[in-house]
Amino acid sequence: MSRIGVLPIPLPKGVTVDVQPEQVAVKGPRGELSQKYSRDVSVEVNDDLVVVRRKDESKVSKSMHGLYRNLIRNMVIGVSDGFTKTLVINGVGYRAEVQGNALVLNLGYSNPIEYPIPEEVSISCDGPTKIIVSGNDKQRVGQVAAEIRSVRPPEPYKGKGVRYEDEYVRRKVGKAGVK
């Protein structure tokens, strides 16, 4: 039995779930999200709870059960509260700023890098070394944050680069002095 899949999803006030055949649409104060789901599971809305059930006991049904329950839960959280990822920049002269519809990153390369901001995600800078990525879709927010981080990932010797706020960078010891 799936420990995650059997848990019902509570609906906050102002959030509605519309179940169509093979598609779930969630509307809330922050917008609307939709997700197709497999025929191996069924989605039901009872009062202010969403319940995901599997059709049979096959291995595919069992694996889809918890997956679609969490995807629907993430949509409910996204349209009610939203998701944010915070990135921190370390390094002398490294900085970021939002100019128009692009994030401009100065990360020690000869030219600044311009990252175009997608429509479904908003990016803001809290000072020159803190980037906040926010949006309704958890997957899209995480993907945009990962793309920004991949421009200059943190290196282990001095810790310079772009890292997540809660990320720990394991530091290495540099060269030993020559005698």
C-alpha atoms as a PDB file:
ATOM      1  CA  MET A   1       0.000   0.000   0.000  1.00  0.00           C
ATOM      2  CA  SER A   2       1.313   3.422  -0.929  1.00  0.00           C
ATOM      3  CA  ARG A   3       1.986   5.534   2.143  1.00  0.00           C
ATOM      4  CA  ILE A   4       1.842   8.771   0.154  1.00  0.00           C
ATOM      5  CA  GLY A   5      -0.923   7.908  -2.322  1.00  0.00           C
ATOM      6  CA  VAL A   6      -3.569   7.059   0.278  1.00  0.00           C
ATOM      7  CA  LEU A   7      -3.321  10.449   2.003  1.00  0.00           C
ATOM      8  CA  PRO A   8      -6.154  12.816   1.018  1.00  0.00           C
ATOM      9  CA  ILE A   9      -5.268  16.313  -0.219  1.00  0.00           C
ATOM     10  CA  PRO A  10      -7.032  19.071   1.755  1.00  0.00           C
ATOM     11  CA  LEU A  11      -8.267  22.020  -0.326  1.00  0.00           C
ATOM     12  CA  PRO A  12      -7.673  25.516   1.111  1.00  0.00           C
ATOM     13  CA  LYS A  13     -10.381  28.165   0.786  1.00  0.00           C
ATOM     14  CA  GLY A  14     -10.664  29.630  -2.695  1.00  0.00           C
ATOM     15  CA  VAL A  15      -9.182  26.570  -4.439  1.00  0.00           C
ATOM     16  CA  THR A  16     -11.335  24.428  -6.713  1.00  0.00           C
ATOM     17  CA  VAL A  17     -10.457  21.175  -8.458  1.00  0.00           C
ATOM     18  CA  ASP A  18     -12.112  20.179 -11.742  1.00  0.00           C
ATOM     19  CA  VAL A  19     -11.668  16.517 -12.696  1.00  0.00           C
ATOM     20  CA  GLN A  20     -12.078  15.614 -16.377  1.00  0.00           C
ATOM     21  CA  PRO A  21     -11.310  12.211 -17.913  1.00  0.00           C
ATOM     22  CA  GLU A  22      -7.509  11.915 -17.753  1.00  0.00           C
ATOM     23  CA  GLN A  23      -7.006  15.579 -16.712  1.00  0.00           C
ATOM     24  CA  VAL A  24      -7.168  17.566 -13.475  1.00  0.00           C
ATOM     25  CA  ALA A  25      -7.465  21.367 -13.413  1.00  0.00           C
ATOM     26  CA  VAL A  26      -6.850  23.340 -10.209  1.00  0.00           C
ATOM     27  CA  LYS A  27      -7.939  26.988  -9.867  1.00  0.00           C
ATOM     28  CA  GLY A  28      -6.985  29.294  -7.046  1.00  0.00           C
ATOM     29  CA  PRO A  29      -6.220  32.896  -6.147  1.00  0.00           C
ATOM     30  CA  ARG A  30      -2.775  32.762  -7.849  1.00  0.00           C
ATOM     31  CA  GLY A  31      -3.926  31.243 -11.140  1.00  0.00           C
ATOM     32  CA  GLU A  32      -4.748  27.942 -12.764  1.00  0.00           C
ATOM     33  CA  LEU A  33      -2.757  24.745 -13.366  1.00  0.00           C
ATOM     34  CA  SER A  34      -3.693  21.522 -15.131  1.00  0.00           C
ATOM     35  CA  GLN A  35      -2.156  18.065 -15.278  1.00  0.00           C
ATOM     36  CA  LYS A  36      -2.939  14.960 -17.308  1.00  0.00           C
ATOM     37  CA  TYR A  37      -3.051  11.740 -15.317  1.00  0.00           C
ATOM     38  CA  SER A  38      -2.728   8.061 -16.115  1.00  0.00           C
ATOM     39  CA  ARG A  39      -5.642   5.682 -16.639  1.00  0.00           C
ATOM     40  CA  ASP A  40      -4.183   3.537 -13.860  1.00  0.00           C
ATOM     41  CA  VAL A  41      -5.481   5.951 -11.188  1.00  0.00           C
ATOM     42  CA  SER A  42      -8.738   7.790 -10.559  1.00  0.00           C
ATOM     43  CA  VAL A  43      -9.177  11.205  -8.972  1.00  0.00           C
ATOM     44  CA  GLU A  44     -12.223  12.111  -6.879  1.00  0.00           C
ATOM     45  CA  VAL A  45     -13.224  15.333  -5.127  1.00  0.00           C
ATOM     46  CA  ASN A  46     -15.189  14.865  -1.875  1.00  0.00           C
ATOM     47  CA  ASP A  47     -16.203  18.063  -0.028  1.00  0.00           C
ATOM     48  CA  ASP A  48     -12.866  19.821   0.530  1.00  0.00           C
ATOM     49  CA  LEU A  49     -10.630  16.763  -0.023  1.00  0.00           C
ATOM     50  CA  VAL A  50      -9.105  15.306  -3.177  1.00  0.00           C
ATOM     51  CA  VAL A  51      -8.549  11.542  -3.124  1.00  0.00           C
ATOM     52  CA  VAL A  52      -6.415   9.607  -5.619  1.00  0.00           C
ATOM     53  CA  ARG A  53      -7.191   5.891  -5.950  1.00  0.00           C
ATOM     54  CA  ARG A  54      -5.556   3.228  -8.065  1.00  0.00           C
ATOM     55  CA  LYS A  55      -7.653   1.071 -10.376  1.00  0.00           C
ATOM     56  CA  ASP A  56      -5.881  -2.237  -9.657  1.00  0.00           C
ATOM     57  CA  GLU A  57      -2.899  -3.726  -7.848  1.00  0.00           C
ATOM     58  CA  SER A  58      -0.508  -3.814 -10.830  1.00  0.00           C
ATOM     59  CA  LYS A  59       3.034  -2.512 -10.454  1.00  0.00           C
ATOM     60  CA  VAL A  60       2.337   0.428 -12.804  1.00  0.00           C
ATOM     61  CA  SER A  61      -0.769   1.452 -10.857  1.00  0.00           C
ATOM     62  CA  LYS A  62       1.124   1.335  -7.589  1.00  0.00           C
ATOM     63  CA  SER A  63       3.915   3.527  -8.960  1.00  0.00           C
ATOM     64  CA  MET A  64       1.480   6.073 -10.429  1.00  0.00           C
ATOM     65  CA  HIS A  65      -0.597   6.303  -7.241  1.00  0.00           C
ATOM     66  CA  GLY A  66       1.831   8.345  -5.124  1.00  0.00           C
ATOM     67  CA  LEU A  67       3.172  10.260  -8.128  1.00  0.00           C
ATOM     68  CA  TYR A  68      -0.142  11.755  -9.196  1.00  0.00           C
ATOM     69  CA  ARG A  69      -1.193  12.404  -5.616  1.00  0.00           C
ATOM     70  CA  ASN A  70       1.922  14.542  -5.087  1.00  0.00           C
ATOM     71  CA  LEU A  71       1.597  16.278  -8.466  1.00  0.00           C
ATOM     72  CA  ILE A  72      -1.985  17.305  -7.610  1.00  0.00           C
ATOM     73  CA  ARG A  73      -0.882  18.388  -4.106  1.00  0.00           C
ATOM     74  CA  ASN A  74       1.855  20.559  -5.633  1.00  0.00           C
ATOM     75  CA  MET A  75      -0.715  22.160  -7.944  1.00  0.00           C
ATOM     76  CA  VAL A  76      -3.001  22.934  -4.969  1.00  0.00           C
ATOM     77  CA  ILE A  77      -0.119  24.499  -3.022  1.00  0.00           C
ATOM     78  CA  GLY A  78       1.024  26.384  -6.144  1.00  0.00           C
ATOM     79  CA  VAL A  79      -2.306  28.092  -6.853  1.00  0.00           C
ATOM     80  CA  SER A  80      -2.847  28.959  -3.175  1.00  0.00           C
ATOM     81  CA  ASP A  81       0.634  29.883  -1.839  1.00  0.00           C
ATOM     82  CA  GLY A  82       3.103  29.469  -4.704  1.00  0.00           C
ATOM     83  CA  PHE A  83       6.689  28.226  -4.644  1.00  0.00           C
ATOM     84  CA  THR A  84       9.976  30.097  -4.244  1.00  0.00           C
ATOM     85  CA  LYS A  85      13.639  29.189  -4.597  1.00  0.00           C
ATOM     86  CA  THR A  86      16.373  31.513  -3.377  1.00  0.00           C
ATOM     87  CA  LEU A  87      19.818  31.595  -4.964  1.00  0.00           C
ATOM     88  CA  VAL A  88      22.874  33.212  -3.376  1.00  0.00           C
ATOM     89  CA  ILE A  89      25.890  34.489  -5.313  1.00  0.00           C
ATOM     90  CA  ASN A  90      29.377  34.256  -3.746  1.00  0.00           C
ATOM     91  CA  GLY A  91      32.462  35.815  -5.288  1.00  0.00           C
ATOM     92  CA  VAL A  92      34.235  39.150  -5.597  1.00  0.00           C
ATOM     93  CA  GLY A  93      32.522  41.224  -8.282  1.00  0.00           C
ATOM     94  CA  TYR A  94      29.776  38.623  -8.841  1.00  0.00           C
ATOM     95  CA  ARG A  95      26.307  40.179  -8.971  1.00  0.00           C
ATOM     96  CA  ALA A  96      22.873  39.922 -10.560  1.00  0.00           C
ATOM     97  CA  GLU A  97      20.133  42.372 -11.495  1.00  0.00           C
ATOM     98  CA  VAL A  98      16.844  42.319 -13.345  1.00  0.00           C
ATOM     99  CA  GLN A  99      16.805  44.537 -16.430  1.00  0.00           C
ATOM    100  CA  GLY A 100      13.486  44.574 -18.244  1.00  0.00           C
ATOM    101  CA  ASN A 101      12.528  40.997 -19.113  1.00  0.00           C
ATOM    102  CA  ALA A 102      15.974  39.476 -18.448  1.00  0.00           C
ATOM    103  CA  LEU A 103      18.189  38.580 -15.520  1.00  0.00           C
ATOM    104  CA  VAL A 104      21.702  39.945 -16.067  1.00  0.00           C
ATOM    105  CA  LEU A 105      24.411  37.917 -14.313  1.00  0.00           C
ATOM    106  CA  ASN A 106      27.996  39.155 -13.870  1.00  0.00           C
ATOM    107  CA  LEU A 107      29.809  36.011 -12.752  1.00  0.00           C
ATOM    108  CA  GLY A 108      33.442  36.534 -13.642  1.00  0.00           C
ATOM    109  CA  TYR A 109      33.131  35.803 -17.361  1.00  0.00           C
ATOM    110  CA  SER A 110      34.321  38.384 -19.891  1.00  0.00           C
ATOM    111  CA  ASN A 111      30.721  39.305 -20.801  1.00  0.00           C
ATOM    112  CA  PRO A 112      27.569  39.439 -18.661  1.00  0.00           C
ATOM    113  CA  ILE A 113      25.087  36.594 -19.149  1.00  0.00           C
ATOM    114  CA  GLU A 114      21.471  37.520 -19.924  1.00  0.00           C
ATOM    115  CA  TYR A 115      18.908  34.946 -18.839  1.00  0.00           C
ATOM    116  CA  PRO A 116      15.441  35.637 -20.336  1.00  0.00           C
ATOM    117  CA  ILE A 117      12.730  35.413 -17.666  1.00  0.00           C
ATOM    118  CA  PRO A 118       9.944  32.948 -18.620  1.00  0.00           C
ATOM    119  CA  GLU A 119       6.348  34.210 -18.464  1.00  0.00           C
ATOM    120  CA  GLU A 120       5.105  31.734 -15.837  1.00  0.00           C
ATOM    121  CA  VAL A 121       7.953  32.556 -13.401  1.00  0.00           C
ATOM    122  CA  SER A 122       8.921  35.814 -11.718  1.00  0.00           C
ATOM    123  CA  ILE A 123      12.489  36.648 -10.753  1.00  0.00           C
ATOM    124  CA  SER A 124      13.519  39.405  -8.355  1.00  0.00           C
ATOM    125  CA  CYS A 125      16.830  40.428  -6.838  1.00  0.00           C
ATOM    126  CA  ASP A 126      17.102  41.160  -3.128  1.00  0.00           C
ATOM    127  CA  GLY A 127      20.382  43.018  -3.278  1.00  0.00           C
ATOM    128  CA  PRO A 128      23.122  42.268  -5.798  1.00  0.00           C
ATOM    129  CA  THR A 129      23.842  38.763  -4.475  1.00  0.00           C
ATOM    130  CA  LYS A 130      20.398  37.257  -3.832  1.00  0.00           C
ATOM    131  CA  ILE A 131      18.039  35.995  -6.552  1.00  0.00           C
ATOM    132  CA  ILE A 132      14.464  34.960  -5.728  1.00  0.00           C
ATOM    133  CA  VAL A 133      12.645  32.747  -8.254  1.00  0.00           C
ATOM    134  CA  SER A 134       8.905  32.346  -7.616  1.00  0.00           C
ATOM    135  CA  GLY A 135       5.872  30.967  -9.414  1.00  0.00           C
ATOM    136  CA  ASN A 136       2.919  28.590  -9.235  1.00  0.00           C
ATOM    137  CA  ASP A 137       4.427  25.519 -10.916  1.00  0.00           C
ATOM    138  CA  LYS A 138       6.945  23.764  -8.647  1.00  0.00           C
ATOM    139  CA  GLN A 139       8.672  21.985 -11.521  1.00  0.00           C
ATOM    140  CA  ARG A 140       9.095  25.177 -13.553  1.00  0.00           C
ATOM    141  CA  VAL A 141      10.420  27.190 -10.572  1.00  0.00           C
ATOM    142  CA  GLY A 142      12.957  24.456  -9.816  1.00  0.00           C
ATOM    143  CA  GLN A 143      13.988  24.188 -13.479  1.00  0.00           C
ATOM    144  CA  VAL A 144      14.574  27.944 -13.828  1.00  0.00           C
ATOM    145  CA  ALA A 145      16.569  28.021 -10.562  1.00  0.00           C
ATOM    146  CA  ALA A 146      18.676  25.067 -11.749  1.00  0.00           C
ATOM    147  CA  GLU A 147      19.365  26.774 -15.101  1.00  0.00           C
ATOM    148  CA  ILE A 148      20.511  29.964 -13.346  1.00  0.00           C
ATOM    149  CA  ARG A 149      22.711  27.937 -10.963  1.00  0.00           C
ATOM    150  CA  SER A 150      24.256  26.013 -13.878  1.00  0.00           C
ATOM    151  CA  VAL A 151      25.738  29.241 -15.313  1.00  0.00           C
ATOM    152  CA  ARG A 152      28.386  29.172 -12.542  1.00  0.00           C
ATOM    153  CA  PRO A 153      27.923  26.323 -10.012  1.00  0.00           C
ATOM    154  CA  PRO A 154      29.771  26.721  -6.695  1.00  0.00           C
ATOM    155  CA  GLU A 155      33.347  25.491  -6.775  1.00  0.00           C
ATOM    156  CA  PRO A 156      34.773  23.582  -3.789  1.00  0.00           C
ATOM    157  CA  TYR A 157      37.975  25.566  -3.125  1.00  0.00           C
ATOM    158  CA  LYS A 158      36.725  29.092  -2.453  1.00  0.00           C
ATOM    159  CA  GLY A 159      32.971  28.519  -2.677  1.00  0.00           C
ATOM    160  CA  LYS A 160      32.570  31.020  -5.524  1.00  0.00           C
ATOM    161  CA  GLY A 161      29.540  30.694  -7.767  1.00  0.00           C
ATOM    162  CA  VAL A 162      25.750  30.509  -7.596  1.00  0.00           C
ATOM    163  CA  ARG A 163      24.222  28.190  -4.999  1.00  0.00           C
ATOM    164  CA  TYR A 164      20.826  27.554  -3.438  1.00  0.00           C
ATOM    165  CA  GLU A 165      20.280  29.359  -0.138  1.00  0.00           C
ATOM    166  CA  ASP A 166      19.972  26.104   1.813  1.00  0.00           C
ATOM    167  CA  GLU A 167      22.749  24.313  -0.102  1.00  0.00           C
ATOM    168  CA  TYR A 168      25.931  23.324   1.698  1.00  0.00           C
ATOM    169  CA  VAL A 169      29.104  23.513  -0.407  1.00  0.00           C
ATOM    170  CA  ARG A 170      31.701  21.028   0.760  1.00  0.00           C
ATOM    171  CA  ARG A 171      35.023  22.794   0.798  1.00  0.00           C
ATOM    172  CA  LYS A 172      38.335  21.221  -0.190  1.00  0.00           C
ATOM    173  CA  VAL A 173      41.789  22.102   1.080  1.00  0.00           C
ATOM    174  CA  GLY A 174      44.003  23.765  -1.537  1.00  0.00           C
ATOM    175  CA  LYS A 175      47.562  22.886  -2.431  1.00  0.00           C
ATOM    176  CA  ALA A 176      50.028  22.417   0.395  1.00  0.00           C
ATOM    177  CA  GLY A 177      53.030  24.763   0.442  1.00  0.00           C
ATOM    178  CA  VAL A 178      56.147  23.582  -1.398  1.00  0.00           C
ATOM    179  CA  LYS A 179      59.264  23.113   0.801  1.00  0.00           C
END
